[in-house]
Amino acid sequence: MSTATLTTRITDDVKAAMRSKDKDRLAVLRLITAAIKQIEVDQRITLDDDQVISVLEKMLKQRKDSIEQFSKAGRDELVAQEAAEIEIIQQYLPEQLSEDEISSLIDEAISATSAASMKDMGKVMGLLKPKLAGRADMGKVSQTIKQRLSD
C-alpha cells in the first residue's frame, strides 16, 4: 500500500466510482465511509488504518452472517448481493494469510505462552490478535486454537 491512508484511498475510490457511474461499488464504499464517520463522530476521534481495518472486519463478519441467514431462507439474490459487497470490502483489507501461515503462528503463540489447556486460550488469542488483525478470520483461528488446546 502507498503512503496514503486507508481512509484517503476509500474516499478517492468513492470519487472514482461516482465518475465511472459504478452504482454497486459506490453504494458499498458509501456504507464503509458512513461506518467510519459514525465512529469518528461518536468518539470524537480520527480513525487510523488499524481502526479502519477493524471496522472493515466487522462489516465483513456482518455480511458473512447475513449470507448464512439468507442461504437458509433460500434468498439467493440477497446472498449474491452480500457476496459482491464482501469482494469490495476485502479490497481494503491486508492480504489474507494462508492456512499454513496461520497454523504456524498459532503453534508459535501456544509455545510462547506455554499454553496447555483451554484456560490459556485468552493468552494465546491476546498474542495472536495484533498479528492476525485483518489478515485472518479470527473465528476460524479461535476454533483452531480450541482444537489444539483440547487435544
N, C-alpha and C. Protein backbone atom coordinates (compact mmCIF):
# COMPACT_ATOMS: atom_id res chain seq x y z
N MET A 1 0.85 -1.19 0.00
CA MET A 1 0.00 0.00 0.00
C MET A 1 0.88 1.24 0.00
N SER A 2 0.42 2.30 -0.58
CA SER A 2 1.20 3.53 -0.65
C SER A 2 1.14 4.27 0.68
N THR A 3 1.68 5.49 0.69
CA THR A 3 1.72 6.27 1.92
C THR A 3 0.34 6.84 2.27
N ALA A 4 -0.58 6.83 1.32
CA ALA A 4 -1.92 7.35 1.59
C ALA A 4 -2.62 6.46 2.62
N THR A 5 -3.39 7.08 3.48
CA THR A 5 -4.10 6.28 4.48
C THR A 5 -5.23 5.52 3.82
N LEU A 6 -5.71 4.56 4.53
CA LEU A 6 -6.81 3.73 4.03
C LEU A 6 -8.06 4.59 3.81
N THR A 7 -8.32 5.51 4.73
CA THR A 7 -9.49 6.39 4.61
C THR A 7 -9.38 7.24 3.34
N THR A 8 -8.19 7.77 3.07
CA THR A 8 -7.98 8.58 1.87
C THR A 8 -8.21 7.74 0.62
N ARG A 9 -7.70 6.51 0.64
CA ARG A 9 -7.87 5.61 -0.50
C ARG A 9 -9.36 5.32 -0.75
N ILE A 10 -10.11 5.10 0.32
CA ILE A 10 -11.54 4.84 0.19
C ILE A 10 -12.26 6.06 -0.38
N THR A 11 -11.92 7.24 0.14
CA THR A 11 -12.53 8.49 -0.35
C THR A 11 -12.23 8.70 -1.83
N ASP A 12 -10.99 8.45 -2.23
CA ASP A 12 -10.61 8.58 -3.65
C ASP A 12 -11.39 7.59 -4.51
N ASP A 13 -11.59 6.38 -3.99
CA ASP A 13 -12.32 5.36 -4.73
C ASP A 13 -13.81 5.71 -4.84
N VAL A 14 -14.35 6.41 -3.83
CA VAL A 14 -15.75 6.88 -3.90
C VAL A 14 -15.87 7.85 -5.07
N LYS A 15 -14.93 8.77 -5.17
CA LYS A 15 -14.95 9.75 -6.27
C LYS A 15 -14.82 9.05 -7.62
N ALA A 16 -13.94 8.08 -7.70
CA ALA A 16 -13.74 7.34 -8.96
C ALA A 16 -15.01 6.56 -9.33
N ALA A 17 -15.65 5.96 -8.35
CA ALA A 17 -16.89 5.21 -8.61
C ALA A 17 -18.00 6.15 -9.07
N MET A 18 -18.02 7.35 -8.50
CA MET A 18 -19.03 8.34 -8.93
C MET A 18 -18.80 8.73 -10.38
N ARG A 19 -17.53 8.98 -10.73
CA ARG A 19 -17.20 9.38 -12.10
C ARG A 19 -17.52 8.28 -13.11
N SER A 20 -17.24 7.02 -12.71
CA SER A 20 -17.47 5.91 -13.64
C SER A 20 -18.90 5.37 -13.57
N LYS A 21 -19.72 5.99 -12.70
CA LYS A 21 -21.12 5.60 -12.53
C LYS A 21 -21.28 4.12 -12.16
N ASP A 22 -20.36 3.62 -11.32
CA ASP A 22 -20.40 2.25 -10.83
C ASP A 22 -21.24 2.26 -9.55
N LYS A 23 -22.57 2.12 -9.72
CA LYS A 23 -23.51 2.28 -8.61
C LYS A 23 -23.30 1.26 -7.49
N ASP A 24 -23.05 0.00 -7.85
CA ASP A 24 -22.89 -1.04 -6.84
C ASP A 24 -21.67 -0.78 -5.96
N ARG A 25 -20.55 -0.50 -6.60
CA ARG A 25 -19.31 -0.21 -5.87
C ARG A 25 -19.48 1.05 -5.02
N LEU A 26 -20.10 2.06 -5.59
CA LEU A 26 -20.32 3.33 -4.88
C LEU A 26 -21.16 3.10 -3.62
N ALA A 27 -22.19 2.28 -3.73
CA ALA A 27 -23.06 2.02 -2.58
C ALA A 27 -22.27 1.38 -1.43
N VAL A 28 -21.43 0.40 -1.74
CA VAL A 28 -20.64 -0.27 -0.71
C VAL A 28 -19.61 0.70 -0.11
N LEU A 29 -18.96 1.49 -0.97
CA LEU A 29 -17.97 2.45 -0.47
C LEU A 29 -18.63 3.49 0.43
N ARG A 30 -19.84 3.87 0.10
CA ARG A 30 -20.56 4.82 0.96
C ARG A 30 -20.91 4.19 2.31
N LEU A 31 -21.25 2.91 2.30
CA LEU A 31 -21.51 2.20 3.56
C LEU A 31 -20.25 2.18 4.43
N ILE A 32 -19.11 1.92 3.80
CA ILE A 32 -17.84 1.90 4.53
C ILE A 32 -17.56 3.28 5.11
N THR A 33 -17.69 4.31 4.27
CA THR A 33 -17.44 5.68 4.71
C THR A 33 -18.37 6.06 5.85
N ALA A 34 -19.63 5.68 5.75
CA ALA A 34 -20.60 6.01 6.80
C ALA A 34 -20.23 5.33 8.12
N ALA A 35 -19.80 4.07 8.05
CA ALA A 35 -19.42 3.34 9.26
C ALA A 35 -18.21 4.00 9.93
N ILE A 36 -17.25 4.43 9.13
CA ILE A 36 -16.06 5.11 9.66
C ILE A 36 -16.45 6.44 10.29
N LYS A 37 -17.24 7.23 9.56
CA LYS A 37 -17.67 8.55 10.06
C LYS A 37 -18.47 8.41 11.35
N GLN A 38 -19.33 7.40 11.42
CA GLN A 38 -20.15 7.18 12.62
C GLN A 38 -19.28 7.04 13.86
N ILE A 39 -18.25 6.22 13.75
CA ILE A 39 -17.35 6.00 14.89
C ILE A 39 -16.56 7.28 15.19
N GLU A 40 -16.09 7.95 14.14
CA GLU A 40 -15.32 9.18 14.35
C GLU A 40 -16.15 10.24 15.04
N VAL A 41 -17.41 10.38 14.66
CA VAL A 41 -18.29 11.39 15.27
C VAL A 41 -18.64 10.98 16.71
N ASP A 42 -19.02 9.70 16.89
CA ASP A 42 -19.41 9.23 18.23
C ASP A 42 -18.28 9.36 19.24
N GLN A 43 -17.06 9.01 18.82
CA GLN A 43 -15.93 9.01 19.74
C GLN A 43 -15.06 10.26 19.65
N ARG A 44 -15.40 11.15 18.73
CA ARG A 44 -14.65 12.40 18.52
C ARG A 44 -13.16 12.13 18.29
N ILE A 45 -12.89 11.19 17.39
CA ILE A 45 -11.52 10.84 17.03
C ILE A 45 -11.42 10.70 15.52
N THR A 46 -10.19 10.62 15.03
CA THR A 46 -9.96 10.28 13.63
C THR A 46 -9.36 8.89 13.63
N LEU A 47 -9.98 7.98 12.90
CA LEU A 47 -9.52 6.59 12.90
C LEU A 47 -8.21 6.45 12.12
N ASP A 48 -7.29 5.65 12.68
CA ASP A 48 -6.08 5.32 11.93
C ASP A 48 -6.36 4.05 11.11
N ASP A 49 -5.38 3.62 10.34
CA ASP A 49 -5.59 2.47 9.46
C ASP A 49 -6.00 1.21 10.21
N ASP A 50 -5.39 0.95 11.37
CA ASP A 50 -5.73 -0.25 12.14
C ASP A 50 -7.19 -0.22 12.58
N GLN A 51 -7.66 0.95 13.00
CA GLN A 51 -9.06 1.08 13.42
C GLN A 51 -10.00 0.93 12.23
N VAL A 52 -9.61 1.46 11.09
CA VAL A 52 -10.42 1.32 9.87
C VAL A 52 -10.49 -0.16 9.48
N ILE A 53 -9.37 -0.87 9.62
CA ILE A 53 -9.35 -2.30 9.31
C ILE A 53 -10.32 -3.04 10.22
N SER A 54 -10.37 -2.66 11.50
CA SER A 54 -11.29 -3.35 12.40
C SER A 54 -12.74 -3.05 12.03
N VAL A 55 -13.04 -1.84 11.55
CA VAL A 55 -14.39 -1.51 11.07
C VAL A 55 -14.72 -2.39 9.86
N LEU A 56 -13.76 -2.53 8.95
CA LEU A 56 -13.97 -3.35 7.75
C LEU A 56 -14.17 -4.82 8.12
N GLU A 57 -13.40 -5.31 9.10
CA GLU A 57 -13.57 -6.69 9.54
C GLU A 57 -14.97 -6.92 10.10
N LYS A 58 -15.45 -5.95 10.86
CA LYS A 58 -16.79 -6.06 11.43
C LYS A 58 -17.84 -6.11 10.31
N MET A 59 -17.67 -5.25 9.31
CA MET A 59 -18.60 -5.23 8.18
C MET A 59 -18.56 -6.57 7.43
N LEU A 60 -17.36 -7.12 7.29
CA LEU A 60 -17.18 -8.40 6.62
C LEU A 60 -17.91 -9.51 7.38
N LYS A 61 -17.74 -9.52 8.69
CA LYS A 61 -18.39 -10.53 9.54
C LYS A 61 -19.92 -10.41 9.43
N GLN A 62 -20.43 -9.18 9.42
CA GLN A 62 -21.87 -8.98 9.30
C GLN A 62 -22.38 -9.57 7.99
N ARG A 63 -21.64 -9.35 6.93
CA ARG A 63 -22.07 -9.85 5.63
C ARG A 63 -22.00 -11.37 5.57
N LYS A 64 -20.97 -11.96 6.17
CA LYS A 64 -20.88 -13.42 6.19
C LYS A 64 -22.03 -14.01 6.98
N ASP A 65 -22.38 -13.38 8.10
CA ASP A 65 -23.53 -13.83 8.89
C ASP A 65 -24.82 -13.71 8.08
N SER A 66 -24.95 -12.60 7.35
CA SER A 66 -26.13 -12.38 6.52
C SER A 66 -26.24 -13.44 5.44
N ILE A 67 -25.12 -13.78 4.81
CA ILE A 67 -25.12 -14.80 3.76
C ILE A 67 -25.62 -16.12 4.33
N GLU A 68 -25.15 -16.44 5.53
CA GLU A 68 -25.60 -17.68 6.17
C GLU A 68 -27.12 -17.68 6.37
N GLN A 69 -27.64 -16.56 6.88
CA GLN A 69 -29.08 -16.45 7.13
C GLN A 69 -29.87 -16.48 5.82
N PHE A 70 -29.40 -15.73 4.82
CA PHE A 70 -30.11 -15.67 3.54
C PHE A 70 -30.08 -17.02 2.84
N SER A 71 -28.98 -17.76 2.99
CA SER A 71 -28.88 -19.10 2.38
C SER A 71 -29.93 -20.02 2.97
N LYS A 72 -30.06 -19.97 4.29
CA LYS A 72 -31.05 -20.82 4.97
C LYS A 72 -32.47 -20.47 4.51
N ALA A 73 -32.69 -19.18 4.22
CA ALA A 73 -34.02 -18.73 3.82
C ALA A 73 -34.25 -18.88 2.32
N GLY A 74 -33.22 -19.32 1.59
CA GLY A 74 -33.36 -19.50 0.14
C GLY A 74 -33.41 -18.20 -0.64
N ARG A 75 -32.82 -17.15 -0.10
CA ARG A 75 -32.82 -15.84 -0.77
C ARG A 75 -31.52 -15.64 -1.54
N ASP A 76 -31.42 -16.33 -2.67
CA ASP A 76 -30.19 -16.35 -3.45
C ASP A 76 -29.78 -14.98 -3.96
N GLU A 77 -30.75 -14.12 -4.32
CA GLU A 77 -30.40 -12.79 -4.83
C GLU A 77 -29.73 -11.95 -3.73
N LEU A 78 -30.15 -12.13 -2.48
CA LEU A 78 -29.53 -11.40 -1.37
C LEU A 78 -28.16 -11.99 -1.03
N VAL A 79 -28.01 -13.29 -1.18
CA VAL A 79 -26.70 -13.93 -0.98
C VAL A 79 -25.71 -13.36 -1.98
N ALA A 80 -26.13 -13.24 -3.23
CA ALA A 80 -25.25 -12.71 -4.28
C ALA A 80 -24.85 -11.26 -3.99
N GLN A 81 -25.81 -10.46 -3.52
CA GLN A 81 -25.53 -9.06 -3.20
C GLN A 81 -24.51 -8.96 -2.06
N GLU A 82 -24.70 -9.74 -1.00
CA GLU A 82 -23.78 -9.72 0.14
C GLU A 82 -22.40 -10.20 -0.29
N ALA A 83 -22.34 -11.21 -1.15
CA ALA A 83 -21.05 -11.73 -1.63
C ALA A 83 -20.31 -10.66 -2.44
N ALA A 84 -21.06 -9.90 -3.24
CA ALA A 84 -20.45 -8.82 -4.02
C ALA A 84 -19.89 -7.74 -3.09
N GLU A 85 -20.63 -7.44 -2.02
CA GLU A 85 -20.16 -6.44 -1.05
C GLU A 85 -18.90 -6.93 -0.35
N ILE A 86 -18.85 -8.22 -0.03
CA ILE A 86 -17.66 -8.80 0.61
C ILE A 86 -16.43 -8.61 -0.27
N GLU A 87 -16.59 -8.86 -1.57
CA GLU A 87 -15.47 -8.70 -2.50
C GLU A 87 -14.91 -7.29 -2.47
N ILE A 88 -15.79 -6.30 -2.45
CA ILE A 88 -15.35 -4.90 -2.44
C ILE A 88 -14.68 -4.56 -1.11
N ILE A 89 -15.26 -4.99 -0.01
CA ILE A 89 -14.69 -4.69 1.31
C ILE A 89 -13.30 -5.33 1.44
N GLN A 90 -13.14 -6.55 0.95
CA GLN A 90 -11.86 -7.24 1.08
C GLN A 90 -10.73 -6.54 0.35
N GLN A 91 -11.05 -5.71 -0.64
CA GLN A 91 -10.01 -5.00 -1.37
C GLN A 91 -9.27 -4.01 -0.47
N TYR A 92 -9.86 -3.65 0.65
CA TYR A 92 -9.25 -2.66 1.54
C TYR A 92 -8.60 -3.30 2.76
N LEU A 93 -8.69 -4.62 2.86
CA LEU A 93 -8.06 -5.33 3.96
C LEU A 93 -6.68 -5.83 3.51
N PRO A 94 -5.77 -6.03 4.47
CA PRO A 94 -4.46 -6.58 4.10
C PRO A 94 -4.63 -7.97 3.49
N GLU A 95 -3.61 -8.41 2.77
CA GLU A 95 -3.67 -9.73 2.13
C GLU A 95 -3.86 -10.80 3.21
N GLN A 96 -4.77 -11.72 2.93
CA GLN A 96 -5.08 -12.78 3.90
C GLN A 96 -3.93 -13.78 3.97
N LEU A 97 -3.69 -14.29 5.18
CA LEU A 97 -2.66 -15.29 5.39
C LEU A 97 -3.17 -16.66 4.95
N SER A 98 -2.25 -17.52 4.55
CA SER A 98 -2.65 -18.88 4.16
C SER A 98 -2.90 -19.71 5.41
N GLU A 99 -3.56 -20.85 5.24
CA GLU A 99 -3.83 -21.76 6.36
C GLU A 99 -2.54 -22.17 7.06
N ASP A 100 -1.49 -22.45 6.26
CA ASP A 100 -0.21 -22.87 6.83
C ASP A 100 0.43 -21.76 7.67
N GLU A 101 0.38 -20.52 7.15
CA GLU A 101 0.94 -19.38 7.89
C GLU A 101 0.21 -19.18 9.22
N ILE A 102 -1.12 -19.27 9.17
CA ILE A 102 -1.93 -19.12 10.38
C ILE A 102 -1.60 -20.24 11.36
N SER A 103 -1.50 -21.45 10.86
CA SER A 103 -1.22 -22.61 11.70
C SER A 103 0.13 -22.46 12.40
N SER A 104 1.15 -22.00 11.67
CA SER A 104 2.46 -21.86 12.30
C SER A 104 2.46 -20.72 13.32
N LEU A 105 1.72 -19.64 13.06
CA LEU A 105 1.61 -18.56 14.04
C LEU A 105 0.90 -19.05 15.31
N ILE A 106 -0.11 -19.89 15.15
CA ILE A 106 -0.81 -20.45 16.31
C ILE A 106 0.15 -21.32 17.11
N ASP A 107 0.92 -22.17 16.43
CA ASP A 107 1.89 -23.02 17.11
C ASP A 107 2.90 -22.18 17.90
N GLU A 108 3.41 -21.11 17.26
CA GLU A 108 4.36 -20.22 17.94
C GLU A 108 3.73 -19.61 19.18
N ALA A 109 2.50 -19.13 19.06
CA ALA A 109 1.83 -18.48 20.18
C ALA A 109 1.58 -19.46 21.32
N ILE A 110 1.20 -20.69 20.98
CA ILE A 110 0.96 -21.69 22.03
C ILE A 110 2.25 -21.99 22.77
N SER A 111 3.35 -22.15 22.05
CA SER A 111 4.61 -22.45 22.73
C SER A 111 5.14 -21.22 23.48
N ALA A 112 4.95 -20.03 22.92
CA ALA A 112 5.41 -18.80 23.59
C ALA A 112 4.68 -18.54 24.90
N THR A 113 3.40 -18.92 24.96
CA THR A 113 2.62 -18.68 26.17
C THR A 113 2.59 -19.92 27.07
N SER A 114 3.24 -21.00 26.63
CA SER A 114 3.23 -22.28 27.36
C SER A 114 1.79 -22.74 27.64
N ALA A 115 0.92 -22.49 26.68
CA ALA A 115 -0.49 -22.85 26.83
C ALA A 115 -0.64 -24.37 26.85
N ALA A 116 -1.41 -24.85 27.84
CA ALA A 116 -1.58 -26.29 27.97
C ALA A 116 -3.05 -26.70 27.95
N SER A 117 -3.94 -25.76 28.25
CA SER A 117 -5.36 -26.12 28.31
C SER A 117 -6.21 -24.93 27.85
N MET A 118 -7.52 -25.16 27.86
CA MET A 118 -8.46 -24.12 27.43
C MET A 118 -8.35 -22.86 28.31
N LYS A 119 -7.88 -23.03 29.55
CA LYS A 119 -7.72 -21.87 30.44
C LYS A 119 -6.74 -20.85 29.85
N ASP A 120 -5.82 -21.32 29.02
CA ASP A 120 -4.77 -20.46 28.45
C ASP A 120 -5.17 -19.84 27.11
N MET A 121 -6.39 -20.10 26.68
CA MET A 121 -6.82 -19.62 25.37
C MET A 121 -6.72 -18.09 25.25
N GLY A 122 -7.09 -17.38 26.29
CA GLY A 122 -7.03 -15.91 26.28
C GLY A 122 -5.63 -15.39 26.03
N LYS A 123 -4.64 -16.03 26.63
CA LYS A 123 -3.24 -15.62 26.43
C LYS A 123 -2.85 -15.79 24.97
N VAL A 124 -3.21 -16.94 24.41
CA VAL A 124 -2.85 -17.24 23.02
C VAL A 124 -3.53 -16.25 22.08
N MET A 125 -4.84 -16.02 22.28
CA MET A 125 -5.58 -15.08 21.43
C MET A 125 -5.01 -13.67 21.57
N GLY A 126 -4.65 -13.29 22.79
CA GLY A 126 -4.08 -11.96 23.02
C GLY A 126 -2.79 -11.75 22.25
N LEU A 127 -2.01 -12.80 22.15
CA LEU A 127 -0.74 -12.73 21.42
C LEU A 127 -0.97 -12.70 19.90
N LEU A 128 -1.97 -13.45 19.45
CA LEU A 128 -2.21 -13.57 18.01
C LEU A 128 -2.99 -12.41 17.41
N LYS A 129 -3.92 -11.85 18.16
CA LYS A 129 -4.83 -10.85 17.61
C LYS A 129 -4.10 -9.70 16.89
N PRO A 130 -3.07 -9.08 17.49
CA PRO A 130 -2.40 -7.99 16.76
C PRO A 130 -1.72 -8.46 15.47
N LYS A 131 -1.21 -9.69 15.47
CA LYS A 131 -0.52 -10.21 14.29
C LYS A 131 -1.48 -10.57 13.16
N LEU A 132 -2.69 -11.00 13.55
CA LEU A 132 -3.62 -11.51 12.55
C LEU A 132 -4.73 -10.53 12.17
N ALA A 133 -4.80 -9.39 12.84
CA ALA A 133 -5.89 -8.43 12.59
C ALA A 133 -6.01 -8.10 11.11
N GLY A 134 -7.16 -8.37 10.55
CA GLY A 134 -7.42 -8.07 9.14
C GLY A 134 -6.81 -9.06 8.17
N ARG A 135 -6.04 -10.01 8.69
CA ARG A 135 -5.35 -10.93 7.80
C ARG A 135 -5.84 -12.36 7.92
N ALA A 136 -6.79 -12.59 8.86
CA ALA A 136 -7.32 -13.94 9.05
C ALA A 136 -8.69 -13.83 9.71
N ASP A 137 -9.51 -14.85 9.50
CA ASP A 137 -10.82 -14.93 10.14
C ASP A 137 -10.60 -15.37 11.58
N MET A 138 -10.79 -14.45 12.51
CA MET A 138 -10.48 -14.74 13.92
C MET A 138 -11.39 -15.83 14.48
N GLY A 139 -12.57 -16.01 13.94
CA GLY A 139 -13.45 -17.09 14.37
C GLY A 139 -12.82 -18.45 14.07
N LYS A 140 -12.26 -18.59 12.87
CA LYS A 140 -11.60 -19.84 12.50
C LYS A 140 -10.33 -20.05 13.33
N VAL A 141 -9.61 -18.96 13.56
CA VAL A 141 -8.39 -19.03 14.38
C VAL A 141 -8.75 -19.53 15.78
N SER A 142 -9.81 -18.97 16.33
CA SER A 142 -10.28 -19.36 17.66
C SER A 142 -10.63 -20.85 17.71
N GLN A 143 -11.34 -21.33 16.69
CA GLN A 143 -11.70 -22.75 16.63
C GLN A 143 -10.46 -23.64 16.57
N THR A 144 -9.48 -23.22 15.78
CA THR A 144 -8.25 -23.99 15.65
C THR A 144 -7.52 -24.07 16.99
N ILE A 145 -7.45 -22.93 17.68
CA ILE A 145 -6.78 -22.91 18.98
C ILE A 145 -7.51 -23.83 19.95
N LYS A 146 -8.85 -23.78 19.96
CA LYS A 146 -9.64 -24.65 20.84
C LYS A 146 -9.32 -26.11 20.58
N GLN A 147 -9.25 -26.49 19.30
CA GLN A 147 -8.95 -27.87 18.94
C GLN A 147 -7.57 -28.29 19.45
N ARG A 148 -6.59 -27.41 19.28
CA ARG A 148 -5.21 -27.74 19.68
C ARG A 148 -5.08 -27.83 21.20
N LEU A 149 -5.78 -26.95 21.92
CA LEU A 149 -5.66 -26.94 23.37
C LEU A 149 -6.48 -28.03 24.04
N SER A 150 -7.48 -28.56 23.34
CA SER A 150 -8.31 -29.59 23.95
C SER A 150 -7.77 -31.00 23.66
N ASP A 151 -6.80 -31.10 22.77
CA ASP A 151 -6.22 -32.42 22.44
C ASP A 151 -5.40 -32.97 23.59
